[in-house]
PDB file of N, CA and C in Angstrom:
ATOM      1  N   UNK A   1     -67.827  85.262 -23.596  1.00  0.00           N
ATOM      2  CA  UNK A   1     -66.787  84.907 -24.544  1.00  0.00           C
ATOM      3  C   UNK A   1     -67.210  83.645 -25.306  1.00  0.00           C
ATOM      4  N   UNK A   2     -67.179  83.716 -26.600  1.00  0.00           N
ATOM      5  CA  UNK A   2     -67.480  82.567 -27.449  1.00  0.00           C
ATOM      6  C   UNK A   2     -66.155  81.925 -27.865  1.00  0.00           C
ATOM      7  N   UNK A   3     -65.978  80.662 -27.540  1.00  0.00           N
ATOM      8  CA  UNK A   3     -64.736  79.954 -27.818  1.00  0.00           C
ATOM      9  C   UNK A   3     -64.863  79.210 -29.141  1.00  0.00           C
ATOM     10  N   UNK A   4     -63.868  79.395 -30.003  1.00  0.00           N
ATOM     11  CA  UNK A   4     -63.840  78.745 -31.313  1.00  0.00           C
ATOM     12  C   UNK A   4     -62.467  78.113 -31.520  1.00  0.00           C
ATOM     13  N   UNK A   5     -62.299  77.459 -32.645  1.00  0.00           N
ATOM     14  CA  UNK A   5     -61.003  76.876 -33.003  1.00  0.00           C
ATOM     15  C   UNK A   5     -59.931  77.963 -33.099  1.00  0.00           C
ATOM     16  N   UNK A   6     -60.326  79.179 -33.436  1.00  0.00           N
ATOM     17  CA  UNK A   6     -59.384  80.282 -33.647  1.00  0.00           C
ATOM     18  C   UNK A   6     -59.112  81.100 -32.386  1.00  0.00           C
ATOM     19  N   UNK A   7     -59.702  80.722 -31.265  1.00  0.00           N
ATOM     20  CA  UNK A   7     -59.481  81.437 -30.013  1.00  0.00           C
ATOM     21  C   UNK A   7     -58.020  81.324 -29.615  1.00  0.00           C
ATOM     22  N   UNK A   8     -57.421  82.439 -29.283  1.00  0.00           N
ATOM     23  CA  UNK A   8     -56.021  82.493 -28.852  1.00  0.00           C
ATOM     24  C   UNK A   8     -55.898  81.858 -27.466  1.00  0.00           C
ATOM     25  N   UNK A   9     -54.981  80.905 -27.331  1.00  0.00           N
ATOM     26  CA  UNK A   9     -54.821  80.183 -26.066  1.00  0.00           C
ATOM     27  C   UNK A   9     -54.478  81.111 -24.897  1.00  0.00           C
ATOM     28  N   UNK A  10     -53.563  82.024 -25.118  1.00  0.00           N
ATOM     29  CA  UNK A  10     -53.161  82.936 -24.042  1.00  0.00           C
ATOM     30  C   UNK A  10     -54.344  83.804 -23.616  1.00  0.00           C
ATOM     31  N   UNK A  11     -55.049  84.341 -24.602  1.00  0.00           N
ATOM     32  CA  UNK A  11     -56.219  85.180 -24.316  1.00  0.00           C
ATOM     33  C   UNK A  11     -57.275  84.376 -23.552  1.00  0.00           C
ATOM     34  N   UNK A  12     -57.498  83.134 -23.988  1.00  0.00           N
ATOM     35  CA  UNK A  12     -58.473  82.275 -23.331  1.00  0.00           C
ATOM     36  C   UNK A  12     -58.130  82.081 -21.856  1.00  0.00           C
ATOM     37  N   UNK A  13     -56.882  81.754 -21.592  1.00  0.00           N
ATOM     38  CA  UNK A  13     -56.468  81.495 -20.208  1.00  0.00           C
ATOM     39  C   UNK A  13     -56.437  82.765 -19.360  1.00  0.00           C
ATOM     40  N   UNK A  14     -56.167  83.899 -19.984  1.00  0.00           N
ATOM     41  CA  UNK A  14     -56.176  85.166 -19.240  1.00  0.00           C
ATOM     42  C   UNK A  14     -57.608  85.583 -18.889  1.00  0.00           C
ATOM     43  N   UNK A  15     -58.523  85.417 -19.833  1.00  0.00           N
ATOM     44  CA  UNK A  15     -59.910  85.834 -19.616  1.00  0.00           C
ATOM     45  C   UNK A  15     -60.721  84.819 -18.821  1.00  0.00           C
ATOM     46  N   UNK A  16     -60.382  83.534 -18.990  1.00  0.00           N
ATOM     47  CA  UNK A  16     -61.155  82.478 -18.336  1.00  0.00           C
ATOM     48  C   UNK A  16     -60.219  81.465 -17.666  1.00  0.00           C
ATOM     49  N   UNK A  17     -59.501  81.881 -16.622  1.00  0.00           N
ATOM     50  CA  UNK A  17     -58.546  80.967 -15.974  1.00  0.00           C
ATOM     51  C   UNK A  17     -59.218  79.723 -15.389  1.00  0.00           C
ATOM     52  N   UNK A  18     -60.516  79.790 -15.151  1.00  0.00           N
ATOM     53  CA  UNK A  18     -61.231  78.634 -14.611  1.00  0.00           C
ATOM     54  C   UNK A  18     -61.296  77.470 -15.604  1.00  0.00           C
ATOM     55  N   UNK A  19     -60.933  77.721 -16.864  1.00  0.00           N
ATOM     56  CA  UNK A  19     -60.935  76.660 -17.875  1.00  0.00           C
ATOM     57  C   UNK A  19     -59.643  75.843 -17.876  1.00  0.00           C
ATOM     58  N   UNK A  20     -58.661  76.272 -17.125  1.00  0.00           N
ATOM     59  CA  UNK A  20     -57.366  75.578 -17.106  1.00  0.00           C
ATOM     60  C   UNK A  20     -57.515  74.111 -16.716  1.00  0.00           C
ATOM     61  N   UNK A  21     -58.331  73.821 -15.732  1.00  0.00           N
ATOM     62  CA  UNK A  21     -58.527  72.446 -15.286  1.00  0.00           C
ATOM     63  C   UNK A  21     -59.102  71.560 -16.375  1.00  0.00           C
ATOM     64  N   UNK A  22     -60.065  72.078 -17.125  1.00  0.00           N
ATOM     65  CA  UNK A  22     -60.671  71.322 -18.210  1.00  0.00           C
ATOM     66  C   UNK A  22     -59.663  71.065 -19.323  1.00  0.00           C
ATOM     67  N   UNK A  23     -58.830  72.053 -19.610  1.00  0.00           N
ATOM     68  CA  UNK A  23     -57.782  71.874 -20.619  1.00  0.00           C
ATOM     69  C   UNK A  23     -56.775  70.816 -20.163  1.00  0.00           C
ATOM     70  N   UNK A  24     -56.394  70.874 -18.906  1.00  0.00           N
ATOM     71  CA  UNK A  24     -55.448  69.888 -18.371  1.00  0.00           C
ATOM     72  C   UNK A  24     -56.041  68.481 -18.419  1.00  0.00           C
ATOM     73  N   UNK A  25     -57.314  68.340 -18.079  1.00  0.00           N
ATOM     74  CA  UNK A  25     -57.996  67.044 -18.138  1.00  0.00           C
ATOM     75  C   UNK A  25     -58.036  66.499 -19.554  1.00  0.00           C
ATOM     76  N   UNK A  26     -58.005  67.387 -20.527  1.00  0.00           N
ATOM     77  CA  UNK A  26     -58.060  66.984 -21.934  1.00  0.00           C
ATOM     78  C   UNK A  26     -56.671  66.663 -22.490  1.00  0.00           C
ATOM     79  N   UNK A  27     -55.661  66.729 -21.631  1.00  0.00           N
ATOM     80  CA  UNK A  27     -54.304  66.406 -22.067  1.00  0.00           C
ATOM     81  C   UNK A  27     -53.504  67.584 -22.570  1.00  0.00           C
ATOM     82  N   UNK A  28     -54.012  68.777 -22.332  1.00  0.00           N
ATOM     83  CA  UNK A  28     -53.314  69.971 -22.789  1.00  0.00           C
ATOM     84  C   UNK A  28     -52.702  70.687 -21.597  1.00  0.00           C
ATOM     85  N   UNK A  29     -51.381  70.712 -21.551  1.00  0.00           N
ATOM     86  CA  UNK A  29     -50.680  71.385 -20.465  1.00  0.00           C
ATOM     87  C   UNK A  29     -50.430  72.845 -20.769  1.00  0.00           C
ATOM     88  N   UNK A  30     -51.445  73.542 -21.228  1.00  0.00           N
ATOM     89  CA  UNK A  30     -51.307  74.923 -21.701  1.00  0.00           C
ATOM     90  C   UNK A  30     -50.944  75.910 -20.597  1.00  0.00           C
ATOM     91  N   UNK A  31     -51.316  75.583 -19.404  1.00  0.00           N
ATOM     92  CA  UNK A  31     -51.066  76.501 -18.296  1.00  0.00           C
ATOM     93  C   UNK A  31     -49.559  76.643 -18.104  1.00  0.00           C
ATOM     94  N   UNK A  32     -49.063  77.828 -18.347  1.00  0.00           N
ATOM     95  CA  UNK A  32     -47.642  78.089 -18.172  1.00  0.00           C
ATOM     96  C   UNK A  32     -46.775  77.694 -19.352  1.00  0.00           C
ATOM     97  N   UNK A  33     -47.358  77.152 -20.412  1.00  0.00           N
ATOM     98  CA  UNK A  33     -46.574  76.745 -21.580  1.00  0.00           C
ATOM     99  C   UNK A  33     -46.265  77.969 -22.441  1.00  0.00           C
ATOM    100  N   UNK A  34     -44.996  78.203 -22.753  1.00  0.00           N
ATOM    101  CA  UNK A  34     -44.653  79.363 -23.586  1.00  0.00           C
ATOM    102  C   UNK A  34     -45.259  79.285 -24.992  1.00  0.00           C
ATOM    103  N   UNK A  35     -45.507  78.085 -25.488  1.00  0.00           N
ATOM    104  CA  UNK A  35     -46.095  77.940 -26.824  1.00  0.00           C
ATOM    105  C   UNK A  35     -47.532  78.442 -26.860  1.00  0.00           C
ATOM    106  N   UNK A  36     -48.207  78.401 -25.735  1.00  0.00           N
ATOM    107  CA  UNK A  36     -49.599  78.848 -25.687  1.00  0.00           C
ATOM    108  C   UNK A  36     -49.720  80.337 -25.982  1.00  0.00           C
ATOM    109  N   UNK A  37     -48.646  81.061 -25.856  1.00  0.00           N
ATOM    110  CA  UNK A  37     -48.678  82.508 -26.089  1.00  0.00           C
ATOM    111  C   UNK A  37     -49.004  82.862 -27.538  1.00  0.00           C
ATOM    112  N   UNK A  38     -48.689  81.978 -28.474  1.00  0.00           N
ATOM    113  CA  UNK A  38     -48.906  82.320 -29.872  1.00  0.00           C
ATOM    114  C   UNK A  38     -49.726  81.310 -30.640  1.00  0.00           C
ATOM    115  N   UNK A  39     -50.461  80.462 -29.952  1.00  0.00           N
ATOM    116  CA  UNK A  39     -51.241  79.430 -30.621  1.00  0.00           C
ATOM    117  C   UNK A  39     -52.734  79.648 -30.469  1.00  0.00           C
ATOM    118  N   UNK A  40     -53.454  79.152 -31.449  1.00  0.00           N
ATOM    119  CA  UNK A  40     -54.907  79.107 -31.318  1.00  0.00           C
ATOM    120  C   UNK A  40     -55.255  77.819 -30.589  1.00  0.00           C
ATOM    121  N   UNK A  41     -56.482  77.721 -30.159  1.00  0.00           N
ATOM    122  CA  UNK A  41     -56.946  76.504 -29.495  1.00  0.00           C
ATOM    123  C   UNK A  41     -56.778  75.305 -30.427  1.00  0.00           C
ATOM    124  N   UNK A  42     -57.134  75.475 -31.686  1.00  0.00           N
ATOM    125  CA  UNK A  42     -57.010  74.386 -32.654  1.00  0.00           C
ATOM    126  C   UNK A  42     -55.554  73.949 -32.829  1.00  0.00           C
ATOM    127  N   UNK A  43     -54.641  74.903 -32.943  1.00  0.00           N
ATOM    128  CA  UNK A  43     -53.224  74.564 -33.098  1.00  0.00           C
ATOM    129  C   UNK A  43     -52.710  73.792 -31.885  1.00  0.00           C
ATOM    130  N   UNK A  44     -53.086  74.241 -30.708  1.00  0.00           N
ATOM    131  CA  UNK A  44     -52.671  73.558 -29.483  1.00  0.00           C
ATOM    132  C   UNK A  44     -53.216  72.141 -29.412  1.00  0.00           C
ATOM    133  N   UNK A  45     -54.464  71.975 -29.804  1.00  0.00           N
ATOM    134  CA  UNK A  45     -55.080  70.645 -29.796  1.00  0.00           C
ATOM    135  C   UNK A  45     -54.374  69.710 -30.771  1.00  0.00           C
ATOM    136  N   UNK A  46     -54.064  70.222 -31.956  1.00  0.00           N
ATOM    137  CA  UNK A  46     -53.393  69.402 -32.960  1.00  0.00           C
ATOM    138  C   UNK A  46     -52.004  68.977 -32.496  1.00  0.00           C
ATOM    139  N   UNK A  47     -51.290  69.874 -31.834  1.00  0.00           N
ATOM    140  CA  UNK A  47     -49.966  69.547 -31.305  1.00  0.00           C
ATOM    141  C   UNK A  47     -50.069  68.387 -30.319  1.00  0.00           C
ATOM    142  N   UNK A  48     -51.175  68.326 -29.609  1.00  0.00           N
ATOM    143  CA  UNK A  48     -51.389  67.266 -28.622  1.00  0.00           C
ATOM    144  C   UNK A  48     -52.103  66.050 -29.219  1.00  0.00           C
ATOM    145  N   UNK A  49     -52.178  65.989 -30.557  1.00  0.00           N
ATOM    146  CA  UNK A  49     -52.692  64.809 -31.238  1.00  0.00           C
ATOM    147  C   UNK A  49     -54.188  64.630 -31.238  1.00  0.00           C
ATOM    148  N   UNK A  50     -54.922  65.689 -31.016  1.00  0.00           N
ATOM    149  CA  UNK A  50     -56.385  65.576 -30.982  1.00  0.00           C
ATOM    150  C   UNK A  50     -56.962  65.579 -32.398  1.00  0.00           C
ATOM    151  N   UNK A  51     -57.976  64.767 -32.614  1.00  0.00           N
ATOM    152  CA  UNK A  51     -58.673  64.724 -33.899  1.00  0.00           C
ATOM    153  C   UNK A  51     -59.663  65.888 -33.983  1.00  0.00           C
ATOM    154  N   UNK A  52     -60.191  66.113 -35.190  1.00  0.00           N
ATOM    155  CA  UNK A  52     -61.189  67.174 -35.370  1.00  0.00           C
ATOM    156  C   UNK A  52     -62.391  66.949 -34.452  1.00  0.00           C
ATOM    157  N   UNK A  53     -62.809  65.697 -34.343  1.00  0.00           N
ATOM    158  CA  UNK A  53     -63.955  65.368 -33.494  1.00  0.00           C
ATOM    159  C   UNK A  53     -63.642  65.676 -32.024  1.00  0.00           C
ATOM    160  N   UNK A  54     -62.441  65.332 -31.578  1.00  0.00           N
ATOM    161  CA  UNK A  54     -62.034  65.605 -30.192  1.00  0.00           C
ATOM    162  C   UNK A  54     -61.948  67.110 -29.937  1.00  0.00           C
ATOM    163  N   UNK A  55     -61.473  67.854 -30.928  1.00  0.00           N
ATOM    164  CA  UNK A  55     -61.392  69.315 -30.797  1.00  0.00           C
ATOM    165  C   UNK A  55     -62.795  69.902 -30.652  1.00  0.00           C
ATOM    166  N   UNK A  56     -63.708  69.434 -31.494  1.00  0.00           N
ATOM    167  CA  UNK A  56     -65.097  69.918 -31.416  1.00  0.00           C
ATOM    168  C   UNK A  56     -65.714  69.617 -30.055  1.00  0.00           C
ATOM    169  N   UNK A  57     -65.453  68.419 -29.519  1.00  0.00           N
ATOM    170  CA  UNK A  57     -65.983  68.056 -28.196  1.00  0.00           C
ATOM    171  C   UNK A  57     -65.414  68.970 -27.113  1.00  0.00           C
ATOM    172  N   UNK A  58     -64.104  69.242 -27.192  1.00  0.00           N
ATOM    173  CA  UNK A  58     -63.472  70.121 -26.209  1.00  0.00           C
ATOM    174  C   UNK A  58     -64.058  71.522 -26.283  1.00  0.00           C
ATOM    175  N   UNK A  59     -64.219  72.044 -27.484  1.00  0.00           N
ATOM    176  CA  UNK A  59     -64.797  73.390 -27.654  1.00  0.00           C
ATOM    177  C   UNK A  59     -66.208  73.430 -27.072  1.00  0.00           C
ATOM    178  N   UNK A  60     -66.961  72.380 -27.312  1.00  0.00           N
ATOM    179  CA  UNK A  60     -68.316  72.310 -26.762  1.00  0.00           C
ATOM    180  C   UNK A  60     -68.287  72.339 -25.230  1.00  0.00           C
ATOM    181  N   UNK A  61     -67.387  71.567 -24.628  1.00  0.00           N
ATOM    182  CA  UNK A  61     -67.258  71.544 -23.161  1.00  0.00           C
ATOM    183  C   UNK A  61     -66.832  72.902 -22.621  1.00  0.00           C
ATOM    184  N   UNK A  62     -65.862  73.534 -23.289  1.00  0.00           N
ATOM    185  CA  UNK A  62     -65.381  74.842 -22.834  1.00  0.00           C
ATOM    186  C   UNK A  62     -66.500  75.867 -22.894  1.00  0.00           C
ATOM    187  N   UNK A  63     -67.229  75.891 -24.004  1.00  0.00           N
ATOM    188  CA  UNK A  63     -68.330  76.850 -24.140  1.00  0.00           C
ATOM    189  C   UNK A  63     -69.439  76.580 -23.146  1.00  0.00           C
ATOM    190  N   UNK A  64     -69.699  75.320 -22.883  1.00  0.00           N
ATOM    191  CA  UNK A  64     -70.733  74.981 -21.898  1.00  0.00           C
ATOM    192  C   UNK A  64     -70.339  75.523 -20.526  1.00  0.00           C
ATOM    193  N   UNK A  65     -69.056  75.390 -20.206  1.00  0.00           N
ATOM    194  CA  UNK A  65     -68.573  75.863 -18.900  1.00  0.00           C
ATOM    195  C   UNK A  65     -68.691  77.375 -18.764  1.00  0.00           C
ATOM    196  N   UNK A  66     -68.481  78.115 -19.855  1.00  0.00           N
ATOM    197  CA  UNK A  66     -68.555  79.578 -19.784  1.00  0.00           C
ATOM    198  C   UNK A  66     -69.918  80.129 -20.240  1.00  0.00           C
ATOM    199  N   UNK A  67     -70.812  79.218 -20.660  1.00  0.00           N
ATOM    200  CA  UNK A  67     -72.140  79.654 -21.067  1.00  0.00           C
ATOM    201  C   UNK A  67     -72.212  80.210 -22.471  1.00  0.00           C
ATOM    202  N   UNK A  68     -71.213  79.898 -23.312  1.00  0.00           N
ATOM    203  CA  UNK A  68     -71.222  80.363 -24.699  1.00  0.00           C
ATOM    204  C   UNK A  68     -71.774  79.309 -25.628  1.00  0.00           C
ATOM    205  N   UNK A  69     -71.539  79.499 -26.920  1.00  0.00           N
ATOM    206  CA  UNK A  69     -72.017  78.562 -27.920  1.00  0.00           C
ATOM    207  C   UNK A  69     -70.850  77.978 -28.690  1.00  0.00           C
ATOM    208  N   UNK A  70     -71.054  76.792 -29.230  1.00  0.00           N
ATOM    209  CA  UNK A  70     -70.043  76.152 -30.061  1.00  0.00           C
ATOM    210  C   UNK A  70     -69.940  76.891 -31.385  1.00  0.00           C
ATOM    211  N   UNK A  71     -68.704  77.028 -31.875  1.00  0.00           N
ATOM    212  CA  UNK A  71     -68.377  77.657 -33.145  1.00  0.00           C
ATOM    213  C   UNK A  71     -68.867  79.072 -33.122  1.00  0.00           C
TER     214      UNK A  71
END
């Protein structure tokens, strides 16, 4: 799975539940959040006040954990 800014949060957590801890460490309480059902990763990050640079870093970490590529 390649994770991008447009990755659906619900789909991400369903396919890769092992990423929940990394999301929580980044300040995103997506696990169990009803809003995550209809948001992209980028939308969720913005709601939590993350800058573009912080979003890119998070995507890089997530992809590294699953063995994918950034963007």
